[in-house]
N, C-alpha and C. Protein backbone atom coordinates (compact mmCIF):
# COMPACT_ATOMS: atom_id res chain seq x y z
N UNK A 1 9.72 6.64 -55.99
CA UNK A 1 8.34 7.61 -57.37
C UNK A 1 6.96 7.05 -56.33
N UNK A 2 6.99 5.77 -56.44
CA UNK A 2 5.55 5.11 -56.37
C UNK A 2 5.14 5.33 -54.90
N UNK A 3 5.91 5.35 -53.98
CA UNK A 3 5.69 5.72 -52.54
C UNK A 3 4.97 7.52 -52.52
N UNK A 4 5.66 8.25 -53.10
CA UNK A 4 5.14 9.99 -53.35
C UNK A 4 3.91 9.88 -54.17
N UNK A 5 3.90 9.22 -55.21
CA UNK A 5 2.35 8.91 -55.54
C UNK A 5 1.51 8.69 -54.98
N UNK A 6 1.55 7.58 -54.04
CA UNK A 6 0.52 6.58 -53.47
C UNK A 6 0.08 7.64 -52.16
N UNK A 7 1.49 8.56 -51.82
CA UNK A 7 0.72 9.45 -50.60
C UNK A 7 -0.48 10.62 -50.78
N UNK A 8 0.02 10.57 -52.01
CA UNK A 8 -1.18 12.05 -52.42
C UNK A 8 -2.42 11.58 -52.07
N UNK A 9 -3.16 10.41 -52.32
CA UNK A 9 -4.21 9.81 -51.41
C UNK A 9 -4.68 10.63 -49.99
N UNK A 10 -3.70 10.20 -49.01
CA UNK A 10 -3.80 10.42 -47.95
C UNK A 10 -4.00 11.79 -47.83
N UNK A 11 -3.10 12.37 -48.11
CA UNK A 11 -2.91 14.05 -47.88
C UNK A 11 -4.02 14.54 -48.45
N UNK A 12 -4.69 13.65 -49.39
CA UNK A 12 -5.87 14.85 -50.14
C UNK A 12 -7.12 14.19 -48.67
N UNK A 13 -7.18 12.97 -48.38
CA UNK A 13 -8.07 13.13 -47.33
C UNK A 13 -7.85 13.97 -46.41
N UNK A 14 -6.67 13.80 -45.61
CA UNK A 14 -6.30 14.85 -44.81
C UNK A 14 -7.22 16.08 -44.87
N UNK A 15 -6.64 17.04 -46.40
CA UNK A 15 -6.64 18.24 -46.47
C UNK A 15 -8.35 18.34 -46.67
N UNK A 16 -9.37 17.21 -46.79
CA UNK A 16 -10.67 17.78 -46.80
C UNK A 16 -11.18 17.63 -45.19
N UNK A 17 -10.47 16.65 -44.13
CA UNK A 17 -10.80 16.70 -43.14
C UNK A 17 -10.20 17.99 -42.24
N UNK A 18 -9.31 18.37 -42.87
CA UNK A 18 -8.75 19.60 -42.11
C UNK A 18 -9.95 20.70 -42.17
N UNK A 19 -10.45 20.97 -43.52
CA UNK A 19 -11.23 21.84 -43.80
C UNK A 19 -12.43 22.25 -43.04
N UNK A 20 -12.51 21.32 -42.29
CA UNK A 20 -14.00 21.39 -41.41
C UNK A 20 -13.68 21.20 -39.88
N UNK A 21 -12.51 21.36 -39.63
CA UNK A 21 -12.19 21.83 -38.37
C UNK A 21 -12.52 23.12 -37.55
N UNK A 22 -13.05 23.26 -36.57
CA UNK A 22 -13.38 24.48 -36.07
C UNK A 22 -12.65 25.43 -35.47
N UNK A 23 -11.71 24.84 -35.34
CA UNK A 23 -10.58 25.89 -34.36
C UNK A 23 -9.41 26.44 -35.63
N UNK A 24 -9.80 27.78 -36.36
CA UNK A 24 -9.19 28.42 -37.36
C UNK A 24 -7.72 28.14 -37.09
N UNK A 25 -7.10 28.83 -36.15
CA UNK A 25 -5.56 28.45 -35.87
C UNK A 25 -5.08 27.18 -36.34
N UNK A 26 -5.77 25.97 -35.78
CA UNK A 26 -5.09 24.73 -35.88
C UNK A 26 -5.28 24.46 -37.45
N UNK A 27 -6.76 25.16 -38.34
CA UNK A 27 -6.78 24.47 -39.30
C UNK A 27 -5.76 24.99 -40.34
N UNK A 28 -5.49 26.28 -40.41
CA UNK A 28 -4.80 27.20 -40.95
C UNK A 28 -3.13 26.45 -41.26
N UNK A 29 -2.64 25.88 -39.67
CA UNK A 29 -1.45 25.28 -39.43
C UNK A 29 -1.38 24.06 -39.83
N UNK A 30 -2.47 23.42 -40.40
CA UNK A 30 -2.67 21.84 -40.68
C UNK A 30 -2.53 22.08 -42.16
N UNK A 31 -3.18 23.14 -42.93
CA UNK A 31 -3.16 22.84 -44.13
C UNK A 31 -1.92 23.79 -44.74
N UNK A 32 -1.53 24.42 -43.84
CA UNK A 32 0.20 24.76 -44.37
C UNK A 32 0.93 23.72 -44.34
N UNK A 33 1.34 22.55 -43.46
CA UNK A 33 1.73 21.42 -43.37
C UNK A 33 1.68 20.44 -44.45
N UNK A 34 0.65 20.54 -44.89
CA UNK A 34 -0.19 19.49 -46.05
C UNK A 34 0.33 20.41 -47.18
N UNK A 35 0.70 21.73 -47.47
CA UNK A 35 0.91 22.45 -48.14
C UNK A 35 2.76 22.26 -48.69
N UNK A 36 3.15 22.15 -47.76
CA UNK A 36 4.62 21.68 -47.50
C UNK A 36 4.54 20.36 -48.08
N UNK A 37 4.04 19.66 -47.15
CA UNK A 37 4.04 17.79 -48.38
C UNK A 37 3.81 17.64 -49.11
N UNK A 38 3.01 18.18 -50.10
CA UNK A 38 2.59 18.17 -51.45
C UNK A 38 3.35 19.07 -52.03
N UNK A 39 4.22 19.83 -51.84
CA UNK A 39 5.59 20.86 -52.20
C UNK A 39 6.62 19.76 -52.31
N UNK A 40 6.84 18.82 -51.17
CA UNK A 40 7.87 17.78 -51.02
C UNK A 40 7.77 16.87 -52.28
N UNK A 41 6.67 16.19 -52.05
CA UNK A 41 5.87 15.27 -53.05
C UNK A 41 6.27 15.47 -54.36
N UNK A 42 5.94 16.65 -54.97
CA UNK A 42 5.84 16.78 -55.68
C UNK A 42 7.31 16.95 -56.92
N UNK A 43 8.19 17.86 -55.87
CA UNK A 43 9.40 17.93 -55.80
C UNK A 43 10.40 16.28 -56.05
N UNK A 44 10.32 15.51 -55.38
CA UNK A 44 10.47 14.21 -55.16
C UNK A 44 10.13 13.54 -56.00
N UNK A 45 8.73 13.23 -57.02
CA UNK A 45 8.31 12.79 -58.16
C UNK A 45 9.14 13.13 -59.24
N UNK A 46 9.29 14.53 -59.51
CA UNK A 46 9.58 15.24 -60.67
C UNK A 46 11.62 14.57 -60.68
N UNK A 47 12.26 14.64 -59.74
CA UNK A 47 13.22 14.31 -59.38
C UNK A 47 13.54 12.46 -59.92
N UNK A 48 12.48 11.76 -59.28
CA UNK A 48 12.02 10.60 -59.73
C UNK A 48 12.17 9.99 -60.88
N UNK A 49 11.61 11.24 -61.45
CA UNK A 49 11.07 10.41 -63.29
C UNK A 49 12.05 11.35 -64.20
N UNK A 50 12.17 12.69 -63.41
CA UNK A 50 13.29 13.40 -64.51
C UNK A 50 12.51 13.74 -66.02
N UNK A 51 11.28 14.06 -65.76
CA UNK A 51 10.69 14.23 -66.74
C UNK A 51 11.30 15.08 -68.39
N UNK A 52 12.20 15.97 -67.91
CA UNK A 52 12.80 16.85 -68.80
C UNK A 52 13.72 15.93 -69.58
N UNK A 53 14.43 15.00 -68.98
CA UNK A 53 15.30 14.09 -69.85
C UNK A 53 15.20 13.50 -71.03
N UNK A 54 13.46 13.41 -71.63
CA UNK A 54 12.81 12.84 -72.91
C UNK A 54 12.95 14.13 -73.81
N UNK A 55 12.86 15.37 -72.86
CA UNK A 55 12.88 16.81 -73.99
C UNK A 55 13.68 17.10 -74.73
N UNK A 56 13.78 17.09 -76.15
CA UNK A 56 14.58 17.26 -77.51
C UNK A 56 15.56 18.39 -77.46
N UNK A 57 16.97 18.08 -77.36
CA UNK A 57 17.57 19.63 -77.45
C UNK A 57 17.22 20.15 -78.84
N UNK A 58 17.75 21.81 -78.39
CA UNK A 58 17.34 22.88 -80.18
C UNK A 58 18.30 24.15 -79.11
N UNK A 59 18.37 24.49 -80.63
CA UNK A 59 19.36 26.07 -80.27
C UNK A 59 18.63 27.10 -79.02
N UNK A 60 19.27 27.60 -78.23
CA UNK A 60 18.18 28.55 -77.31
C UNK A 60 19.16 29.55 -76.96
N UNK A 61 18.66 30.42 -76.40
CA UNK A 61 19.11 31.69 -75.96
C UNK A 61 19.38 31.87 -74.62
N UNK A 62 20.71 31.30 -74.14
CA UNK A 62 21.01 31.45 -73.00
C UNK A 62 20.64 32.63 -72.08
N UNK A 63 20.97 33.69 -72.67
CA UNK A 63 21.13 35.29 -71.79
C UNK A 63 19.52 35.17 -71.62
N UNK A 64 18.68 34.93 -72.57
CA UNK A 64 17.21 35.02 -72.48
C UNK A 64 16.67 34.56 -71.59
N UNK A 65 17.32 33.56 -71.22
CA UNK A 65 16.41 32.22 -70.82
C UNK A 65 17.08 33.12 -69.26
N UNK A 66 18.26 33.24 -68.95
CA UNK A 66 18.69 34.08 -67.36
C UNK A 66 17.85 35.06 -67.15
N UNK A 67 17.60 36.04 -68.11
CA UNK A 67 16.46 37.15 -67.81
C UNK A 67 15.49 36.93 -67.55
N UNK A 68 15.12 35.74 -68.39
CA UNK A 68 13.42 34.94 -67.90
C UNK A 68 13.49 34.78 -66.55
N UNK A 69 14.24 33.82 -66.15
CA UNK A 69 14.23 32.90 -64.82
C UNK A 69 14.64 34.50 -63.80
N UNK A 70 15.53 35.59 -64.08
CA UNK A 70 15.56 36.58 -63.03
C UNK A 70 14.15 37.29 -62.91
N UNK A 71 13.51 37.63 -64.15
CA UNK A 71 12.39 38.73 -64.09
C UNK A 71 11.15 37.37 -63.09
N UNK A 72 11.20 36.23 -63.03
CA UNK A 72 9.70 35.38 -62.69
C UNK A 72 10.57 35.19 -61.22
N UNK A 73 11.90 35.64 -60.92
CA UNK A 73 12.30 35.30 -59.16
C UNK A 73 12.08 36.57 -58.56
N UNK A 74 12.29 37.55 -59.36
CA UNK A 74 11.58 38.83 -58.90
C UNK A 74 10.69 38.83 -58.50
N UNK A 75 9.58 38.54 -59.26
CA UNK A 75 7.71 38.33 -59.41
C UNK A 75 7.39 37.58 -58.23
N UNK A 76 7.91 36.25 -57.91
CA UNK A 76 7.60 35.24 -56.56
C UNK A 76 8.63 36.11 -55.32
N UNK A 77 9.55 36.52 -55.51
CA UNK A 77 10.11 37.25 -54.33
C UNK A 77 10.46 38.85 -54.10
N UNK A 78 9.53 39.79 -53.98
CA UNK A 78 9.34 40.88 -54.69
C UNK A 78 10.52 41.79 -53.88
N UNK A 79 10.37 41.15 -52.50
CA UNK A 79 11.32 42.00 -51.36
C UNK A 79 12.57 41.84 -51.62
N UNK A 80 13.34 40.33 -52.43
CA UNK A 80 14.88 40.57 -52.96
C UNK A 80 14.77 41.04 -54.44
N UNK A 81 13.72 41.83 -55.35
CA UNK A 81 13.79 42.40 -56.60
C UNK A 81 14.84 42.81 -56.90
N UNK A 82 15.49 44.20 -55.88
CA UNK A 82 16.98 44.31 -55.96
C UNK A 82 17.79 43.76 -56.24
N UNK A 83 17.81 42.64 -55.53
CA UNK A 83 19.03 41.98 -55.29
C UNK A 83 19.30 40.36 -56.22
N UNK A 84 18.35 40.89 -57.38
CA UNK A 84 18.41 40.02 -58.61
C UNK A 84 18.73 40.68 -59.86
N UNK A 85 20.11 40.32 -59.95
CA UNK A 85 20.62 40.79 -61.15
C UNK A 85 21.11 39.78 -62.51
N UNK A 86 20.81 40.61 -63.45
CA UNK A 86 22.11 39.47 -64.92
C UNK A 86 22.72 40.71 -65.24
N UNK A 87 24.12 39.95 -65.45
CA UNK A 87 24.82 41.01 -66.14
C UNK A 87 25.38 39.61 -67.78
N UNK A 88 25.40 40.02 -68.46
CA UNK A 88 26.18 39.27 -69.67
C UNK A 88 25.73 39.60 -71.03
N UNK A 89 25.49 38.56 -71.86
CA UNK A 89 25.44 39.39 -73.34
C UNK A 89 24.29 39.14 -73.74
N UNK A 90 24.13 40.42 -74.85
CA UNK A 90 22.81 40.34 -75.14
C UNK A 90 22.12 38.89 -75.76
N UNK A 91 23.03 38.17 -76.58
CA UNK A 91 22.55 36.99 -76.85
C UNK A 91 23.73 35.86 -76.77
N UNK A 92 23.39 34.62 -76.29
CA UNK A 92 24.59 33.83 -76.42
C UNK A 92 23.63 32.30 -76.10
N UNK A 93 24.17 32.01 -77.78
CA UNK A 93 23.28 30.74 -78.07
C UNK A 93 23.91 29.19 -77.63
N UNK A 94 23.26 28.06 -77.25
CA UNK A 94 23.73 27.04 -76.73
C UNK A 94 22.81 25.89 -77.39
N UNK A 95 23.20 24.37 -77.26
CA UNK A 95 22.12 23.89 -77.66
C UNK A 95 22.11 22.57 -76.72
N UNK A 96 20.44 22.98 -76.12
CA UNK A 96 19.94 22.66 -74.84
C UNK A 96 18.87 22.41 -74.61
N UNK A 97 18.22 21.44 -73.64
CA UNK A 97 17.15 21.33 -73.39
C UNK A 97 16.69 21.95 -72.85
N UNK A 98 15.64 23.38 -73.55
CA UNK A 98 15.36 24.48 -72.85
C UNK A 98 14.33 24.43 -71.50
N UNK A 99 13.29 23.47 -71.23
CA UNK A 99 12.91 23.14 -70.09
C UNK A 99 13.67 22.97 -69.06
N UNK A 100 14.51 21.64 -69.13
CA UNK A 100 15.23 21.42 -68.40
C UNK A 100 16.14 22.27 -67.94
N UNK A 101 16.85 23.10 -69.04
CA UNK A 101 18.19 24.22 -68.43
C UNK A 101 17.52 25.39 -67.80
N UNK A 102 15.81 25.47 -68.29
CA UNK A 102 15.28 26.72 -67.23
C UNK A 102 15.35 25.97 -65.89
N UNK A 103 15.20 24.77 -65.60
CA UNK A 103 14.91 24.29 -64.40
C UNK A 103 16.22 24.51 -63.44
N UNK A 104 17.47 24.31 -64.14
CA UNK A 104 18.65 23.95 -63.44
C UNK A 104 18.86 25.54 -63.26
N UNK A 105 18.81 26.45 -63.94
CA UNK A 105 19.46 27.57 -63.75
C UNK A 105 17.77 28.49 -62.17
N UNK A 106 16.82 28.24 -62.79
CA UNK A 106 16.00 28.26 -61.60
C UNK A 106 16.55 28.01 -60.20
N UNK A 107 16.64 26.75 -60.22
CA UNK A 107 17.12 25.94 -59.00
C UNK A 107 18.60 26.51 -58.27
N UNK A 108 19.37 26.98 -59.11
CA UNK A 108 20.24 27.83 -58.61
C UNK A 108 19.99 29.34 -58.15
N UNK A 109 19.30 29.99 -58.77
CA UNK A 109 18.41 31.34 -58.35
C UNK A 109 17.64 31.27 -56.83
N UNK A 110 16.91 30.09 -57.07
CA UNK A 110 16.02 29.86 -55.75
C UNK A 110 17.07 29.90 -54.41
N UNK A 111 18.66 28.85 -54.80
CA UNK A 111 18.91 28.33 -53.69
C UNK A 111 19.64 29.39 -53.07
N UNK A 112 20.50 30.55 -54.43
CA UNK A 112 20.70 31.94 -53.54
C UNK A 112 19.71 32.48 -52.91
N UNK A 113 18.66 32.84 -53.28
CA UNK A 113 17.73 33.62 -52.28
C UNK A 113 17.34 33.24 -51.06
N UNK A 114 17.13 31.81 -51.66
CA UNK A 114 16.56 31.19 -50.13
C UNK A 114 17.65 31.34 -48.93
N UNK A 115 18.97 31.30 -49.43
CA UNK A 115 20.21 31.01 -48.14
C UNK A 115 21.32 32.14 -48.26
N UNK A 116 20.79 33.24 -49.37
CA UNK A 116 21.69 33.80 -49.58
C UNK A 116 21.03 35.56 -49.47
N UNK A 117 19.65 35.31 -50.01
CA UNK A 117 19.42 36.58 -49.88
C UNK A 117 19.49 37.71 -51.12
N UNK A 118 20.15 37.08 -52.01
CA UNK A 118 20.38 37.79 -53.19
C UNK A 118 20.73 37.23 -54.85
N UNK A 119 20.63 37.17 -55.46
CA UNK A 119 21.08 36.16 -56.90
C UNK A 119 21.41 37.18 -57.88
N UNK A 120 22.82 36.81 -58.15
CA UNK A 120 23.59 37.86 -59.19
C UNK A 120 23.75 36.99 -60.57
N UNK A 121 23.63 36.83 -61.06
CA UNK A 121 23.51 36.02 -62.14
C UNK A 121 24.42 36.56 -63.14
N UNK A 122 25.69 35.82 -63.59
CA UNK A 122 27.00 36.33 -64.65
C UNK A 122 26.66 35.33 -65.61
N UNK A 123 26.84 35.74 -66.69
CA UNK A 123 27.06 34.77 -67.93
C UNK A 123 28.14 34.98 -69.15
N UNK A 124 28.61 34.11 -69.60
CA UNK A 124 30.15 34.93 -70.27
C UNK A 124 30.26 33.25 -70.64
N UNK A 125 31.01 33.77 -71.98
CA UNK A 125 32.11 32.58 -72.80
C UNK A 125 33.40 32.59 -72.30
N UNK A 126 34.37 31.86 -71.68
CA UNK A 126 35.61 31.72 -71.04
C UNK A 126 36.04 31.54 -72.34
N UNK A 127 37.55 31.49 -72.04
CA UNK A 127 38.57 31.67 -73.11
C UNK A 127 38.88 30.48 -73.31
N UNK A 128 38.32 29.49 -72.56
CA UNK A 128 38.22 27.64 -73.02
C UNK A 128 37.30 27.48 -73.99
N UNK A 129 36.39 28.08 -74.55
CA UNK A 129 35.03 28.45 -75.03
C UNK A 129 34.06 27.44 -74.54
N UNK A 130 34.17 27.16 -73.12
CA UNK A 130 32.75 27.19 -72.57
C UNK A 130 31.80 28.19 -72.27
N UNK A 131 30.86 27.87 -71.86
CA UNK A 131 29.99 29.14 -71.38
C UNK A 131 30.39 28.76 -69.97
N UNK A 132 30.38 29.69 -69.13
CA UNK A 132 30.42 29.94 -67.85
C UNK A 132 28.97 30.85 -67.27
N UNK A 133 28.35 30.27 -66.03
CA UNK A 133 27.20 30.71 -65.50
C UNK A 133 27.70 30.83 -63.95
N UNK A 134 27.75 32.04 -63.69
CA UNK A 134 27.88 32.10 -61.92
C UNK A 134 26.85 32.59 -61.30
N UNK A 135 26.43 32.40 -59.85
CA UNK A 135 24.86 32.63 -59.11
C UNK A 135 25.60 32.67 -58.20
N UNK A 136 25.91 34.58 -57.82
CA UNK A 136 26.59 34.81 -56.12
C UNK A 136 25.42 35.38 -55.42
N UNK A 137 25.43 34.84 -54.19
CA UNK A 137 24.62 35.15 -53.16
C UNK A 137 25.34 36.30 -52.15
N UNK A 138 24.85 36.68 -51.27
CA UNK A 138 25.08 37.14 -49.98
C UNK A 138 24.93 36.24 -48.46
N UNK A 139 24.95 35.17 -48.65
CA UNK A 139 24.40 34.23 -47.22
C UNK A 139 25.77 33.99 -46.91
N UNK A 140 26.47 33.56 -45.82
CA UNK A 140 27.30 32.53 -44.70
C UNK A 140 28.03 31.90 -45.33
N UNK A 141 27.85 31.49 -46.48
CA UNK A 141 28.44 30.51 -47.24
C UNK A 141 28.51 28.82 -46.55
N UNK A 142 29.67 27.90 -47.07
CA UNK A 142 28.69 26.78 -46.59
C UNK A 142 30.48 26.40 -46.12
N UNK A 143 30.24 25.59 -44.95
CA UNK A 143 31.99 24.66 -44.48
C UNK A 143 32.23 24.45 -45.95
N UNK A 144 33.73 24.26 -45.64
CA UNK A 144 34.46 23.97 -47.19
C UNK A 144 34.36 22.27 -47.27
N UNK A 145 33.97 21.88 -45.72
CA UNK A 145 33.88 20.21 -45.93
C UNK A 145 32.52 19.71 -46.62
N UNK A 146 31.63 20.88 -46.74
CA UNK A 146 30.01 20.31 -47.52
C UNK A 146 29.99 21.06 -48.73
N UNK A 147 30.55 21.38 -49.31
CA UNK A 147 30.97 22.41 -50.78
C UNK A 147 30.21 21.12 -51.49
N UNK A 148 30.97 19.88 -51.69
CA UNK A 148 30.73 18.78 -52.34
C UNK A 148 29.01 18.06 -51.85
N UNK A 149 29.17 17.92 -50.82
CA UNK A 149 27.97 17.14 -49.90
C UNK A 149 26.64 17.45 -50.48
N UNK A 150 26.76 18.70 -50.34
CA UNK A 150 25.46 19.36 -50.38
C UNK A 150 24.60 19.09 -52.16
N UNK A 151 25.33 18.66 -52.66
CA UNK A 151 25.18 17.84 -53.89
C UNK A 151 24.31 16.80 -53.79
N UNK A 152 24.37 16.16 -52.71
CA UNK A 152 23.47 14.49 -52.59
C UNK A 152 21.85 14.90 -52.62
N UNK A 153 21.61 13.79 -52.90
CA UNK A 153 19.85 13.98 -52.80
C UNK A 153 19.32 13.94 -51.52
N UNK A 154 18.62 15.23 -51.48
CA UNK A 154 18.06 15.10 -50.33
C UNK A 154 18.98 15.66 -48.71
N UNK A 155 20.25 16.34 -49.50
CA UNK A 155 20.86 16.34 -48.40
C UNK A 155 20.78 18.32 -48.11
N UNK A 156 20.46 18.95 -46.88
CA UNK A 156 20.04 19.63 -46.65
C UNK A 156 21.00 20.38 -45.53
N UNK A 157 21.80 21.67 -45.12
CA UNK A 157 22.53 21.80 -44.12
C UNK A 157 21.54 22.06 -43.35
N UNK A 158 20.79 22.76 -43.14
CA UNK A 158 19.66 23.73 -42.83
C UNK A 158 18.90 22.53 -42.08
N UNK A 159 19.12 22.39 -40.75
CA UNK A 159 17.97 21.28 -40.01
C UNK A 159 16.47 21.29 -39.71
N UNK A 160 16.50 22.56 -39.86
CA UNK A 160 15.09 22.73 -39.20
C UNK A 160 14.17 22.60 -40.24
N UNK A 161 12.77 22.30 -40.14
CA UNK A 161 11.90 22.12 -41.45
C UNK A 161 10.97 23.47 -41.44
N UNK A 162 11.73 24.41 -41.22
CA UNK A 162 10.50 25.91 -41.37
C UNK A 162 10.48 26.08 -42.47
N UNK A 163 8.92 26.96 -42.81
CA UNK A 163 9.00 27.04 -44.34
C UNK A 163 9.99 28.55 -44.58
N UNK A 164 11.19 28.93 -44.30
CA UNK A 164 11.30 29.79 -44.72
C UNK A 164 12.97 29.29 -44.93
N UNK A 165 13.51 28.16 -44.48
CA UNK A 165 14.56 27.71 -45.28
C UNK A 165 14.13 26.30 -45.33
N UNK A 166 12.73 25.92 -45.73
CA UNK A 166 12.95 24.23 -45.70
C UNK A 166 12.73 24.17 -47.52
N UNK A 167 12.81 22.86 -47.76
CA UNK A 167 12.61 22.01 -48.53
C UNK A 167 12.91 20.45 -48.86
N UNK A 168 13.35 20.24 -50.09
CA UNK A 168 13.66 18.80 -50.13
C UNK A 168 15.11 18.42 -50.19
N UNK A 169 15.78 19.62 -50.70
CA UNK A 169 17.18 18.91 -50.28
C UNK A 169 17.56 18.58 -52.00
N UNK A 170 16.41 18.93 -52.94
CA UNK A 170 16.84 18.28 -54.31
C UNK A 170 16.98 19.01 -55.14
N UNK A 171 17.27 20.58 -54.80
CA UNK A 171 17.37 21.90 -55.93
C UNK A 171 18.72 21.53 -56.47
N UNK A 172 19.94 21.48 -55.85
CA UNK A 172 21.07 21.55 -56.32
C UNK A 172 21.59 20.23 -57.15
N UNK A 173 20.70 19.32 -56.38
CA UNK A 173 20.90 17.54 -57.13
C UNK A 173 20.38 17.60 -58.93
N UNK A 174 19.25 18.34 -58.64
CA UNK A 174 18.71 18.30 -59.94
C UNK A 174 19.70 19.08 -61.24
N UNK A 175 19.83 20.64 -60.73
CA UNK A 175 20.66 21.03 -61.41
C UNK A 175 21.90 20.53 -62.09
N UNK A 176 22.84 19.80 -60.91
CA UNK A 176 23.62 19.29 -61.24
C UNK A 176 23.61 17.76 -62.20
N UNK A 177 22.44 17.32 -62.03
CA UNK A 177 22.04 16.48 -63.12
C UNK A 177 21.71 16.92 -64.34
N UNK A 178 21.06 17.56 -64.50
CA UNK A 178 20.87 18.50 -65.61
C UNK A 178 21.94 19.08 -66.39
N UNK A 179 23.08 19.68 -65.82
CA UNK A 179 23.64 20.25 -66.03
C UNK A 179 25.18 19.36 -66.63
N UNK A 180 24.99 18.24 -66.12
CA UNK A 180 25.99 17.19 -66.34
C UNK A 180 25.71 16.18 -67.55
N UNK A 181 23.93 16.26 -67.80
CA UNK A 181 23.49 15.70 -68.73
C UNK A 181 23.81 16.44 -70.11
N UNK A 182 24.09 17.72 -69.95
CA UNK A 182 24.44 18.29 -71.32
C UNK A 182 25.92 18.32 -71.20
N UNK A 183 26.75 17.77 -71.03
CA UNK A 183 28.35 17.93 -70.79
C UNK A 183 28.70 19.02 -70.08
N UNK A 184 27.84 19.61 -69.16
CA UNK A 184 28.66 20.49 -68.45
C UNK A 184 28.56 19.89 -66.73
N UNK A 185 28.88 20.99 -65.63
CA UNK A 185 28.83 20.40 -64.48
C UNK A 185 28.62 22.15 -63.73
N UNK A 186 28.20 21.68 -62.36
CA UNK A 186 28.29 23.08 -61.43
C UNK A 186 28.58 22.56 -60.20
N UNK A 187 29.62 23.58 -59.69
CA UNK A 187 30.38 23.56 -58.54
C UNK A 187 30.26 24.47 -57.21
N UNK A 188 30.07 24.99 -55.93
CA UNK A 188 30.10 25.77 -55.43
C UNK A 188 31.21 26.56 -54.69
N UNK A 189 31.89 27.51 -54.40
CA UNK A 189 32.69 28.16 -54.07
C UNK A 189 32.54 29.00 -53.11
N UNK A 190 33.04 29.38 -52.08
CA UNK A 190 32.78 30.39 -51.09
C UNK A 190 33.39 31.38 -51.64
N UNK A 191 32.78 33.08 -51.53
CA UNK A 191 33.57 34.17 -52.04
C UNK A 191 34.30 34.19 -50.97
N UNK A 192 35.47 35.41 -51.45
CA UNK A 192 36.34 35.83 -50.40
C UNK A 192 35.57 36.59 -49.55
N UNK A 193 34.76 37.74 -50.15
CA UNK A 193 34.32 39.00 -49.47
C UNK A 193 32.96 37.94 -48.49
N UNK A 194 32.46 37.41 -48.71
CA UNK A 194 31.54 36.73 -47.76
C UNK A 194 30.64 36.03 -49.09
N UNK A 195 29.61 34.92 -48.80
CA UNK A 195 28.63 34.69 -49.68
C UNK A 195 29.11 33.31 -50.45
N UNK A 196 28.32 33.08 -51.36
CA UNK A 196 28.69 31.48 -52.31
C UNK A 196 28.57 32.20 -53.72
N UNK A 197 29.22 31.30 -54.41
CA UNK A 197 29.09 31.26 -55.56
C UNK A 197 28.72 29.85 -56.30
N UNK A 198 27.64 29.39 -57.03
CA UNK A 198 27.36 28.34 -57.86
C UNK A 198 27.97 28.92 -59.48
N UNK A 199 28.74 28.17 -60.06
CA UNK A 199 29.56 27.95 -61.00
C UNK A 199 29.51 27.01 -62.25
N UNK A 200 28.43 27.06 -63.01
CA UNK A 200 27.97 26.08 -63.96
C UNK A 200 28.76 26.47 -65.00
N UNK A 201 29.32 25.58 -65.71
CA UNK A 201 29.66 25.53 -67.08
C UNK A 201 29.27 24.65 -68.28
N UNK A 202 29.06 24.83 -69.52
CA UNK A 202 28.53 24.46 -70.62
C UNK A 202 29.22 24.48 -71.40
N UNK A 203 29.11 23.07 -72.54
CA UNK A 203 30.00 23.11 -73.83
C UNK A 203 29.17 24.22 -74.94
N UNK A 204 30.28 25.00 -74.91
CA UNK A 204 29.42 26.29 -75.84
C UNK A 204 28.72 25.52 -77.16
């Protein structure tokens, strides 16, 4: 966290210098690289601090929260809007930290869209009494041996750092940390018909 914080100063200096570059294409590329670095640092700092851990729990409507995440994802990725859906009850109340829970769901949805081109959210109350939240995508899935490994911090299966699939490798880690802090969990399963399912459970 300290290193991430300290990196912000030289990045700001580099951004100022880049603004004065004469070569428009090189300036654009450099500013894009700096944007990516800042996003990585912001995600790392959020993970290190876990600001949401201090948030008080309250009764929240998980169905409404899922719909909000779906709507915001569709606004952010209009090209995927038709592939972002929610299926579940009109209302489903649980006791949770609202900002943290929204972050967990958003991370699962973002991951599905980034690597699978779709995010179909299914919310239900299981017979065991647990609340079950599933996010399905249409991607290539994950090798069976890696289904657990991808929850490790900074672990990314896709090796390049291009901006289509880039990231810090913290999204799934943060989602699992949040769900486990609520007494739940999240696991990944390859779907028989193709794609991946992120299956989250929470105490009712």
